[in-house]
All heavy atoms as atom14 arrays in JSON, in Angstrom:
{
  "sequence": "ALSGHLLIDRRRPERAHQSLAEAADFAVREGFSIWLTPEGTRSRDG",
  "atom14_mask": [
    [1, 1, 1, 1, 1, 0, 0, 0, 0, 0, 0, 0, 0, 0],
    [1, 1, 1, 1, 1, 1, 1, 1, 0, 0, 0, 0, 0, 0],
    [1, 1, 1, 1, 1, 1, 0, 0, 0, 0, 0, 0, 0, 0],
    [1, 1, 1, 1, 0, 0, 0, 0, 0, 0, 0, 0, 0, 0],
    [1, 1, 1, 1, 1, 1, 1, 1, 1, 1, 0, 0, 0, 0],
    [1, 1, 1, 1, 1, 1, 1, 1, 0, 0, 0, 0, 0, 0],
    [1, 1, 1, 1, 1, 1, 1, 1, 0, 0, 0, 0, 0, 0],
    [1, 1, 1, 1, 1, 1, 1, 1, 0, 0, 0, 0, 0, 0],
    [1, 1, 1, 1, 1, 1, 1, 1, 0, 0, 0, 0, 0, 0],
    [1, 1, 1, 1, 1, 1, 1, 1, 1, 1, 1, 0, 0, 0],
    [1, 1, 1, 1, 1, 1, 1, 1, 1, 1, 1, 0, 0, 0],
    [1, 1, 1, 1, 1, 1, 1, 1, 1, 1, 1, 0, 0, 0],
    [1, 1, 1, 1, 1, 1, 1, 0, 0, 0, 0, 0, 0, 0],
    [1, 1, 1, 1, 1, 1, 1, 1, 1, 0, 0, 0, 0, 0],
    [1, 1, 1, 1, 1, 1, 1, 1, 1, 1, 1, 0, 0, 0],
    [1, 1, 1, 1, 1, 0, 0, 0, 0, 0, 0, 0, 0, 0],
    [1, 1, 1, 1, 1, 1, 1, 1, 1, 1, 0, 0, 0, 0],
    [1, 1, 1, 1, 1, 1, 1, 1, 1, 0, 0, 0, 0, 0],
    [1, 1, 1, 1, 1, 1, 0, 0, 0, 0, 0, 0, 0, 0],
    [1, 1, 1, 1, 1, 1, 1, 1, 0, 0, 0, 0, 0, 0],
    [1, 1, 1, 1, 1, 0, 0, 0, 0, 0, 0, 0, 0, 0],
    [1, 1, 1, 1, 1, 1, 1, 1, 1, 0, 0, 0, 0, 0],
    [1, 1, 1, 1, 1, 0, 0, 0, 0, 0, 0, 0, 0, 0],
    [1, 1, 1, 1, 1, 0, 0, 0, 0, 0, 0, 0, 0, 0],
    [1, 1, 1, 1, 1, 1, 1, 1, 0, 0, 0, 0, 0, 0],
    [1, 1, 1, 1, 1, 1, 1, 1, 1, 1, 1, 0, 0, 0],
    [1, 1, 1, 1, 1, 0, 0, 0, 0, 0, 0, 0, 0, 0],
    [1, 1, 1, 1, 1, 1, 1, 0, 0, 0, 0, 0, 0, 0],
    [1, 1, 1, 1, 1, 1, 1, 1, 1, 1, 1, 0, 0, 0],
    [1, 1, 1, 1, 1, 1, 1, 1, 1, 0, 0, 0, 0, 0],
    [1, 1, 1, 1, 0, 0, 0, 0, 0, 0, 0, 0, 0, 0],
    [1, 1, 1, 1, 1, 1, 1, 1, 1, 1, 1, 0, 0, 0],
    [1, 1, 1, 1, 1, 1, 0, 0, 0, 0, 0, 0, 0, 0],
    [1, 1, 1, 1, 1, 1, 1, 1, 0, 0, 0, 0, 0, 0],
    [1, 1, 1, 1, 1, 1, 1, 1, 1, 1, 1, 1, 1, 1],
    [1, 1, 1, 1, 1, 1, 1, 1, 0, 0, 0, 0, 0, 0],
    [1, 1, 1, 1, 1, 1, 1, 0, 0, 0, 0, 0, 0, 0],
    [1, 1, 1, 1, 1, 1, 1, 0, 0, 0, 0, 0, 0, 0],
    [1, 1, 1, 1, 1, 1, 1, 1, 1, 0, 0, 0, 0, 0],
    [1, 1, 1, 1, 0, 0, 0, 0, 0, 0, 0, 0, 0, 0],
    [1, 1, 1, 1, 1, 1, 1, 0, 0, 0, 0, 0, 0, 0],
    [1, 1, 1, 1, 1, 1, 1, 1, 1, 1, 1, 0, 0, 0],
    [1, 1, 1, 1, 1, 1, 0, 0, 0, 0, 0, 0, 0, 0],
    [1, 1, 1, 1, 1, 1, 1, 1, 1, 1, 1, 0, 0, 0],
    [1, 1, 1, 1, 1, 1, 1, 1, 0, 0, 0, 0, 0, 0],
    [1, 1, 1, 1, 0, 0, 0, 0, 0, 0, 0, 0, 0, 0]
  ],
  "atom14_positions": [
    [[11.18, -64.34, 14.52], [11.4, -63.03, 15.16], [10.08, -62.28, 15.37], [9.85, -61.71, 16.44], [12.37, -62.2, 14.32], [0.0, 0.0, 0.0], [0.0, 0.0, 0.0], [0.0, 0.0, 0.0], [0.0, 0.0, 0.0], [0.0, 0.0, 0.0], [0.0, 0.0, 0.0], [0.0, 0.0, 0.0], [0.0, 0.0, 0.0], [0.0, 0.0, 0.0]],
    [[9.22, -62.29, 14.37], [7.94, -61.58, 14.48], [7.0, -62.22, 15.49], [6.1, -61.57, 15.99], [7.26, -61.5, 13.11], [7.95, -60.59, 12.09], [7.31, -60.73, 10.73], [7.92, -59.14, 12.57], [0.0, 0.0, 0.0], [0.0, 0.0, 0.0], [0.0, 0.0, 0.0], [0.0, 0.0, 0.0], [0.0, 0.0, 0.0], [0.0, 0.0, 0.0]],
    [[7.23, -63.47, 15.81], [6.4, -64.17, 16.79], [6.82, -63.83, 18.21], [6.24, -64.34, 19.17], [6.5, -65.69, 16.6], [6.06, -66.06, 15.33], [0.0, 0.0, 0.0], [0.0, 0.0, 0.0], [0.0, 0.0, 0.0], [0.0, 0.0, 0.0], [0.0, 0.0, 0.0], [0.0, 0.0, 0.0], [0.0, 0.0, 0.0], [0.0, 0.0, 0.0]],
    [[7.85, -63.01, 18.37], [8.28, -62.58, 19.69], [9.33, -63.46, 20.33], [9.6, -63.35, 21.52], [0.0, 0.0, 0.0], [0.0, 0.0, 0.0], [0.0, 0.0, 0.0], [0.0, 0.0, 0.0], [0.0, 0.0, 0.0], [0.0, 0.0, 0.0], [0.0, 0.0, 0.0], [0.0, 0.0, 0.0], [0.0, 0.0, 0.0], [0.0, 0.0, 0.0]],
    [[9.94, -64.34, 19.54], [10.98, -65.2, 20.09], [12.32, -64.46, 20.09], [12.54, -63.53, 19.33], [11.08, -66.5, 19.28], [9.81, -67.28, 19.32], [9.41, -67.99, 20.42], [8.83, -67.42, 18.4], [8.24, -68.56, 20.17], [7.87, -68.23, 18.95], [0.0, 0.0, 0.0], [0.0, 0.0, 0.0], [0.0, 0.0, 0.0], [0.0, 0.0, 0.0]],
    [[13.21, -64.9, 20.95], [14.49, -64.23, 21.15], [15.56, -64.8, 20.22], [15.71, -66.02, 20.12], [14.92, -64.43, 22.61], [16.27, -63.87, 23.02], [16.26, -62.34, 22.92], [16.59, -64.29, 24.45], [0.0, 0.0, 0.0], [0.0, 0.0, 0.0], [0.0, 0.0, 0.0], [0.0, 0.0, 0.0], [0.0, 0.0, 0.0], [0.0, 0.0, 0.0]],
    [[16.29, -63.93, 19.56], [17.43, -64.32, 18.73], [18.69, -63.81, 19.43], [18.8, -62.61, 19.7], [17.3, -63.75, 17.32], [16.13, -64.31, 16.51], [15.94, -63.51, 15.22], [16.34, -65.77, 16.2], [0.0, 0.0, 0.0], [0.0, 0.0, 0.0], [0.0, 0.0, 0.0], [0.0, 0.0, 0.0], [0.0, 0.0, 0.0], [0.0, 0.0, 0.0]],
    [[19.63, -64.71, 19.71], [20.84, -64.3, 20.43], [22.06, -64.37, 19.53], [22.13, -65.18, 18.61], [21.07, -65.14, 21.7], [21.24, -66.62, 21.38], [19.95, -64.95, 22.71], [21.68, -67.46, 22.55], [0.0, 0.0, 0.0], [0.0, 0.0, 0.0], [0.0, 0.0, 0.0], [0.0, 0.0, 0.0], [0.0, 0.0, 0.0], [0.0, 0.0, 0.0]],
    [[23.01, -63.5, 19.81], [24.26, -63.42, 19.06], [25.3, -64.29, 19.77], [25.94, -63.86, 20.72], [24.72, -61.96, 18.99], [25.91, -61.75, 18.09], [26.5, -62.75, 17.62], [26.24, -60.58, 17.84], [0.0, 0.0, 0.0], [0.0, 0.0, 0.0], [0.0, 0.0, 0.0], [0.0, 0.0, 0.0], [0.0, 0.0, 0.0], [0.0, 0.0, 0.0]],
    [[25.45, -65.53, 19.31], [26.37, -66.47, 19.96], [27.83, -66.12, 19.72], [28.7, -66.59, 20.42], [26.1, -67.89, 19.48], [24.72, -68.38, 19.86], [24.49, -69.8, 19.48], [24.91, -70.08, 18.11], [24.96, -71.28, 17.59], [24.62, -72.33, 18.29], [25.33, -71.47, 16.34], [0.0, 0.0, 0.0], [0.0, 0.0, 0.0], [0.0, 0.0, 0.0]],
    [[28.1, -65.31, 18.7], [29.49, -64.94, 18.41], [30.0, -63.88, 19.38], [31.21, -63.65, 19.45], [29.6, -64.43, 16.98], [29.32, -65.53, 15.98], [29.48, -65.06, 14.58], [29.13, -66.13, 13.68], [28.93, -65.98, 12.4], [29.03, -64.79, 11.85], [28.6, -67.0, 11.65], [0.0, 0.0, 0.0], [0.0, 0.0, 0.0], [0.0, 0.0, 0.0]],
    [[29.1, -63.26, 20.1], [29.47, -62.23, 21.07], [28.92, -62.67, 22.43], [27.79, -62.34, 22.78], [28.92, -60.89, 20.64], [29.49, -60.5, 19.26], [28.98, -59.21, 18.76], [29.67, -58.13, 19.45], [29.4, -56.87, 19.23], [28.49, -56.52, 18.35], [30.05, -55.93, 19.89], [0.0, 0.0, 0.0], [0.0, 0.0, 0.0], [0.0, 0.0, 0.0]],
    [[29.71, -63.43, 23.16], [29.23, -64.02, 24.42], [28.6, -63.02, 25.39], [27.6, -63.33, 26.04], [30.48, -64.64, 25.03], [31.37, -64.92, 23.86], [31.09, -63.81, 22.87], [0.0, 0.0, 0.0], [0.0, 0.0, 0.0], [0.0, 0.0, 0.0], [0.0, 0.0, 0.0], [0.0, 0.0, 0.0], [0.0, 0.0, 0.0], [0.0, 0.0, 0.0]],
    [[29.16, -61.8, 25.49], [28.59, -60.83, 26.43], [27.17, -60.46, 26.02], [26.29, -60.3, 26.87], [29.48, -59.59, 26.56], [29.55, -58.67, 25.35], [30.41, -59.18, 24.19], [31.16, -60.15, 24.35], [30.33, -58.58, 23.09], [0.0, 0.0, 0.0], [0.0, 0.0, 0.0], [0.0, 0.0, 0.0], [0.0, 0.0, 0.0], [0.0, 0.0, 0.0]],
    [[26.91, -60.36, 24.72], [25.55, -60.07, 24.25], [24.63, -61.26, 24.46], [23.46, -61.11, 24.79], [25.56, -59.68, 22.77], [25.93, -58.25, 22.54], [25.47, -57.85, 21.17], [25.64, -56.43, 20.99], [25.68, -55.84, 19.82], [25.58, -56.56, 18.73], [25.82, -54.55, 19.74], [0.0, 0.0, 0.0], [0.0, 0.0, 0.0], [0.0, 0.0, 0.0]],
    [[25.14, -62.45, 24.22], [24.34, -63.67, 24.41], [23.93, -63.8, 25.88], [22.77, -64.07, 26.18], [25.12, -64.9, 23.96], [0.0, 0.0, 0.0], [0.0, 0.0, 0.0], [0.0, 0.0, 0.0], [0.0, 0.0, 0.0], [0.0, 0.0, 0.0], [0.0, 0.0, 0.0], [0.0, 0.0, 0.0], [0.0, 0.0, 0.0], [0.0, 0.0, 0.0]],
    [[24.87, -63.57, 26.8], [24.56, -63.65, 28.23], [23.54, -62.59, 28.62], [22.62, -62.87, 29.4], [25.84, -63.51, 29.07], [26.73, -64.7, 29.0], [26.52, -65.83, 29.75], [27.83, -64.94, 28.24], [27.45, -66.72, 29.46], [28.26, -66.21, 28.55], [0.0, 0.0, 0.0], [0.0, 0.0, 0.0], [0.0, 0.0, 0.0], [0.0, 0.0, 0.0]],
    [[23.69, -61.38, 28.07], [22.75, -60.31, 28.38], [21.36, -60.67, 27.85], [20.36, -60.47, 28.54], [23.23, -58.99, 27.76], [22.29, -57.84, 28.04], [22.77, -56.55, 27.4], [23.83, -56.48, 26.81], [21.95, -55.52, 27.5], [0.0, 0.0, 0.0], [0.0, 0.0, 0.0], [0.0, 0.0, 0.0], [0.0, 0.0, 0.0], [0.0, 0.0, 0.0]],
    [[21.28, -61.21, 26.65], [20.0, -61.61, 26.07], [19.33, -62.7, 26.9], [18.12, -62.66, 27.14], [20.18, -62.11, 24.64], [20.63, -61.08, 23.8], [0.0, 0.0, 0.0], [0.0, 0.0, 0.0], [0.0, 0.0, 0.0], [0.0, 0.0, 0.0], [0.0, 0.0, 0.0], [0.0, 0.0, 0.0], [0.0, 0.0, 0.0], [0.0, 0.0, 0.0]],
    [[20.12, -63.68, 27.35], [19.56, -64.74, 28.18], [19.08, -64.2, 29.53], [18.03, -64.62, 30.04], [20.57, -65.86, 28.38], [20.86, -66.72, 27.16], [21.95, -67.75, 27.47], [19.61, -67.42, 26.66], [0.0, 0.0, 0.0], [0.0, 0.0, 0.0], [0.0, 0.0, 0.0], [0.0, 0.0, 0.0], [0.0, 0.0, 0.0], [0.0, 0.0, 0.0]],
    [[19.82, -63.26, 30.1], [19.4, -62.65, 31.37], [18.09, -61.88, 31.18], [17.19, -61.95, 32.03], [20.49, -61.71, 31.9], [0.0, 0.0, 0.0], [0.0, 0.0, 0.0], [0.0, 0.0, 0.0], [0.0, 0.0, 0.0], [0.0, 0.0, 0.0], [0.0, 0.0, 0.0], [0.0, 0.0, 0.0], [0.0, 0.0, 0.0], [0.0, 0.0, 0.0]],
    [[17.96, -61.17, 30.06], [16.72, -60.45, 29.77], [15.56, -61.43, 29.55], [14.44, -61.19, 30.0], [16.9, -59.55, 28.55], [17.81, -58.37, 28.8], [18.2, -57.62, 27.53], [17.69, -57.95, 26.44], [19.04, -56.71, 27.65], [0.0, 0.0, 0.0], [0.0, 0.0, 0.0], [0.0, 0.0, 0.0], [0.0, 0.0, 0.0], [0.0, 0.0, 0.0]],
    [[15.83, -62.53, 28.89], [14.8, -63.55, 28.68], [14.35, -64.13, 30.02], [13.15, -64.34, 30.25], [15.31, -64.66, 27.77], [0.0, 0.0, 0.0], [0.0, 0.0, 0.0], [0.0, 0.0, 0.0], [0.0, 0.0, 0.0], [0.0, 0.0, 0.0], [0.0, 0.0, 0.0], [0.0, 0.0, 0.0], [0.0, 0.0, 0.0], [0.0, 0.0, 0.0]],
    [[15.31, -64.38, 30.9], [14.98, -64.92, 32.22], [14.11, -63.94, 33.01], [13.1, -64.32, 33.61], [16.26, -65.25, 32.99], [0.0, 0.0, 0.0], [0.0, 0.0, 0.0], [0.0, 0.0, 0.0], [0.0, 0.0, 0.0], [0.0, 0.0, 0.0], [0.0, 0.0, 0.0], [0.0, 0.0, 0.0], [0.0, 0.0, 0.0], [0.0, 0.0, 0.0]],
    [[14.5, -62.66, 33.0], [13.71, -61.64, 33.7], [12.28, -61.58, 33.16], [11.32, -61.54, 33.92], [14.36, -60.26, 33.57], [15.64, -60.13, 34.37], [15.87, -60.96, 35.28], [16.41, -59.19, 34.08], [0.0, 0.0, 0.0], [0.0, 0.0, 0.0], [0.0, 0.0, 0.0], [0.0, 0.0, 0.0], [0.0, 0.0, 0.0], [0.0, 0.0, 0.0]],
    [[12.17, -61.58, 31.82], [10.85, -61.53, 31.19], [10.03, -62.76, 31.57], [8.85, -62.65, 31.93], [11.01, -61.45, 29.66], [9.71, -61.62, 28.93], [8.83, -60.55, 28.8], [9.36, -62.84, 28.37], [7.62, -60.7, 28.13], [8.17, -63.0, 27.7], [7.3, -61.93, 27.58], [0.0, 0.0, 0.0], [0.0, 0.0, 0.0], [0.0, 0.0, 0.0]],
    [[10.64, -63.94, 31.5], [9.92, -65.19, 31.78], [9.4, -65.21, 33.21], [8.25, -65.6, 33.46], [10.83, -66.38, 31.51], [0.0, 0.0, 0.0], [0.0, 0.0, 0.0], [0.0, 0.0, 0.0], [0.0, 0.0, 0.0], [0.0, 0.0, 0.0], [0.0, 0.0, 0.0], [0.0, 0.0, 0.0], [0.0, 0.0, 0.0], [0.0, 0.0, 0.0]],
    [[10.22, -64.79, 34.16], [9.79, -64.78, 35.56], [8.69, -63.75, 35.76], [7.66, -64.03, 36.38], [10.99, -64.5, 36.49], [10.54, -64.21, 37.91], [11.96, -65.67, 36.46], [0.0, 0.0, 0.0], [0.0, 0.0, 0.0], [0.0, 0.0, 0.0], [0.0, 0.0, 0.0], [0.0, 0.0, 0.0], [0.0, 0.0, 0.0], [0.0, 0.0, 0.0]],
    [[8.88, -62.56, 35.23], [7.91, -61.47, 35.4], [6.56, -61.81, 34.79], [5.51, -61.57, 35.38], [8.48, -60.18, 34.78], [7.63, -58.95, 34.99], [8.28, -57.7, 34.44], [8.47, -57.76, 33.0], [9.64, -57.85, 32.38], [10.76, -57.88, 33.08], [9.72, -57.9, 31.07], [0.0, 0.0, 0.0], [0.0, 0.0, 0.0], [0.0, 0.0, 0.0]],
    [[6.56, -62.41, 33.59], [5.32, -62.66, 32.86], [4.8, -64.09, 33.0], [3.73, -64.41, 32.48], [5.52, -62.34, 31.37], [5.94, -60.92, 31.09], [4.89, -59.88, 31.51], [3.68, -60.2, 31.49], [5.29, -58.76, 31.89], [0.0, 0.0, 0.0], [0.0, 0.0, 0.0], [0.0, 0.0, 0.0], [0.0, 0.0, 0.0], [0.0, 0.0, 0.0]],
    [[5.57, -64.97, 33.64], [5.14, -66.35, 33.79], [5.24, -67.16, 32.51], [4.48, -68.1, 32.3], [0.0, 0.0, 0.0], [0.0, 0.0, 0.0], [0.0, 0.0, 0.0], [0.0, 0.0, 0.0], [0.0, 0.0, 0.0], [0.0, 0.0, 0.0], [0.0, 0.0, 0.0], [0.0, 0.0, 0.0], [0.0, 0.0, 0.0], [0.0, 0.0, 0.0]],
    [[6.19, -66.8, 31.65], [6.39, -67.5, 30.39], [7.38, -68.64, 30.56], [8.33, -68.55, 31.33], [6.98, -66.55, 29.33], [5.96, -65.86, 28.48], [5.05, -64.98, 29.04], [5.92, -66.08, 27.11], [4.11, -64.34, 28.26], [4.99, -65.45, 26.33], [4.07, -64.57, 26.9], [0.0, 0.0, 0.0], [0.0, 0.0, 0.0], [0.0, 0.0, 0.0]],
    [[7.16, -69.7, 29.81], [8.15, -70.77, 29.7], [9.15, -70.38, 28.62], [8.89, -69.48, 27.81], [7.47, -72.08, 29.31], [6.66, -72.56, 30.35], [0.0, 0.0, 0.0], [0.0, 0.0, 0.0], [0.0, 0.0, 0.0], [0.0, 0.0, 0.0], [0.0, 0.0, 0.0], [0.0, 0.0, 0.0], [0.0, 0.0, 0.0], [0.0, 0.0, 0.0]],
    [[10.28, -71.05, 28.61], [11.33, -70.8, 27.61], [11.61, -72.12, 26.9], [11.69, -73.16, 27.53], [12.62, -70.27, 28.26], [12.33, -68.97, 29.01], [13.71, -70.06, 27.21], [13.48, -68.49, 29.88], [0.0, 0.0, 0.0], [0.0, 0.0, 0.0], [0.0, 0.0, 0.0], [0.0, 0.0, 0.0], [0.0, 0.0, 0.0], [0.0, 0.0, 0.0]],
    [[11.74, -72.06, 25.58], [12.0, -73.25, 24.78], [13.31, -73.03, 24.03], [13.52, -71.98, 23.42], [10.82, -73.49, 23.84], [11.13, -74.11, 22.53], [11.82, -75.26, 22.31], [10.75, -73.63, 21.25], [11.88, -75.53, 20.96], [11.22, -74.53, 20.29], [10.04, -72.52, 20.81], [11.02, -74.37, 18.93], [9.83, -72.35, 19.45], [10.32, -73.27, 18.55]],
    [[14.22, -74.01, 24.09], [15.45, -73.9, 23.33], [16.02, -75.28, 23.0], [15.62, -76.28, 23.57], [16.49, -73.05, 24.07], [17.0, -73.56, 25.4], [18.49, -73.75, 25.32], [16.67, -72.56, 26.48], [0.0, 0.0, 0.0], [0.0, 0.0, 0.0], [0.0, 0.0, 0.0], [0.0, 0.0, 0.0], [0.0, 0.0, 0.0], [0.0, 0.0, 0.0]],
    [[16.94, -75.27, 22.07], [17.64, -76.49, 21.67], [19.04, -76.42, 22.26], [19.85, -75.59, 21.85], [17.71, -76.62, 20.13], [18.36, -75.48, 19.6], [16.33, -76.73, 19.53], [0.0, 0.0, 0.0], [0.0, 0.0, 0.0], [0.0, 0.0, 0.0], [0.0, 0.0, 0.0], [0.0, 0.0, 0.0], [0.0, 0.0, 0.0], [0.0, 0.0, 0.0]],
    [[19.34, -77.25, 23.25], [20.62, -77.14, 23.94], [21.82, -77.47, 23.05], [22.95, -77.12, 23.39], [20.5, -78.14, 25.09], [19.47, -79.11, 24.65], [18.51, -78.32, 23.78], [0.0, 0.0, 0.0], [0.0, 0.0, 0.0], [0.0, 0.0, 0.0], [0.0, 0.0, 0.0], [0.0, 0.0, 0.0], [0.0, 0.0, 0.0], [0.0, 0.0, 0.0]],
    [[21.59, -78.12, 21.91], [22.69, -78.41, 20.99], [23.16, -77.14, 20.27], [24.27, -77.08, 19.77], [22.26, -79.43, 19.94], [21.89, -80.77, 20.54], [21.07, -81.6, 19.59], [19.84, -81.38, 19.54], [21.65, -82.46, 18.91], [0.0, 0.0, 0.0], [0.0, 0.0, 0.0], [0.0, 0.0, 0.0], [0.0, 0.0, 0.0], [0.0, 0.0, 0.0]],
    [[22.28, -76.15, 20.21], [22.63, -74.87, 19.6], [22.45, -74.82, 18.1], [22.3, -73.75, 17.53], [0.0, 0.0, 0.0], [0.0, 0.0, 0.0], [0.0, 0.0, 0.0], [0.0, 0.0, 0.0], [0.0, 0.0, 0.0], [0.0, 0.0, 0.0], [0.0, 0.0, 0.0], [0.0, 0.0, 0.0], [0.0, 0.0, 0.0], [0.0, 0.0, 0.0]],
    [[22.47, -75.92, 17.44], [22.27, -75.97, 15.98], [21.76, -77.35, 15.63], [21.88, -78.3, 16.42], [23.58, -75.65, 15.23], [23.3, -75.42, 13.86], [24.6, -76.78, 15.37], [0.0, 0.0, 0.0], [0.0, 0.0, 0.0], [0.0, 0.0, 0.0], [0.0, 0.0, 0.0], [0.0, 0.0, 0.0], [0.0, 0.0, 0.0], [0.0, 0.0, 0.0]],
    [[21.21, -77.47, 14.43], [20.64, -78.78, 14.1], [21.73, -79.75, 13.7], [22.78, -79.38, 13.19], [19.55, -78.61, 13.05], [19.88, -78.78, 11.67], [18.69, -78.47, 10.75], [19.27, -78.13, 9.46], [19.47, -76.91, 9.02], [19.06, -75.89, 9.72], [20.04, -76.71, 7.88], [0.0, 0.0, 0.0], [0.0, 0.0, 0.0], [0.0, 0.0, 0.0]],
    [[21.45, -80.99, 13.94], [22.39, -82.08, 13.68], [22.54, -82.29, 12.18], [21.58, -82.2, 11.43], [21.85, -83.35, 14.34], [22.56, -84.47, 13.93], [0.0, 0.0, 0.0], [0.0, 0.0, 0.0], [0.0, 0.0, 0.0], [0.0, 0.0, 0.0], [0.0, 0.0, 0.0], [0.0, 0.0, 0.0], [0.0, 0.0, 0.0], [0.0, 0.0, 0.0]],
    [[23.75, -82.59, 11.74], [23.98, -82.87, 10.32], [23.53, -84.28, 9.93], [23.17, -84.53, 8.8], [25.46, -82.71, 10.0], [25.94, -81.29, 10.15], [27.25, -81.09, 9.41], [27.63, -79.7, 9.4], [27.12, -78.78, 8.59], [26.18, -79.09, 7.74], [27.54, -77.54, 8.64], [0.0, 0.0, 0.0], [0.0, 0.0, 0.0], [0.0, 0.0, 0.0]],
    [[23.53, -85.2, 10.91], [23.21, -86.59, 10.6], [22.07, -87.17, 11.44], [21.81, -88.36, 11.4], [24.45, -87.46, 10.76], [25.0, -87.44, 12.18], [24.4, -86.8, 13.07], [26.04, -88.08, 12.4], [0.0, 0.0, 0.0], [0.0, 0.0, 0.0], [0.0, 0.0, 0.0], [0.0, 0.0, 0.0], [0.0, 0.0, 0.0], [0.0, 0.0, 0.0]],
    [[21.39, -86.33, 12.2], [20.3, -86.81, 13.03], [20.72, -87.24, 14.42], [19.89, -87.46, 15.29], [0.0, 0.0, 0.0], [0.0, 0.0, 0.0], [0.0, 0.0, 0.0], [0.0, 0.0, 0.0], [0.0, 0.0, 0.0], [0.0, 0.0, 0.0], [0.0, 0.0, 0.0], [0.0, 0.0, 0.0], [0.0, 0.0, 0.0], [0.0, 0.0, 0.0]]
  ]
}
């Protein structure tokens, strides 16, 4: 969090969508790349 990365609330889809939209706006405006894990959580067995 202190490094400036985005934390989204997946339990509240409307907030998650809003956070992703804000991240997209920021990334386009500032020329930042976005890094994420599409699985959403780490694997239990690899």
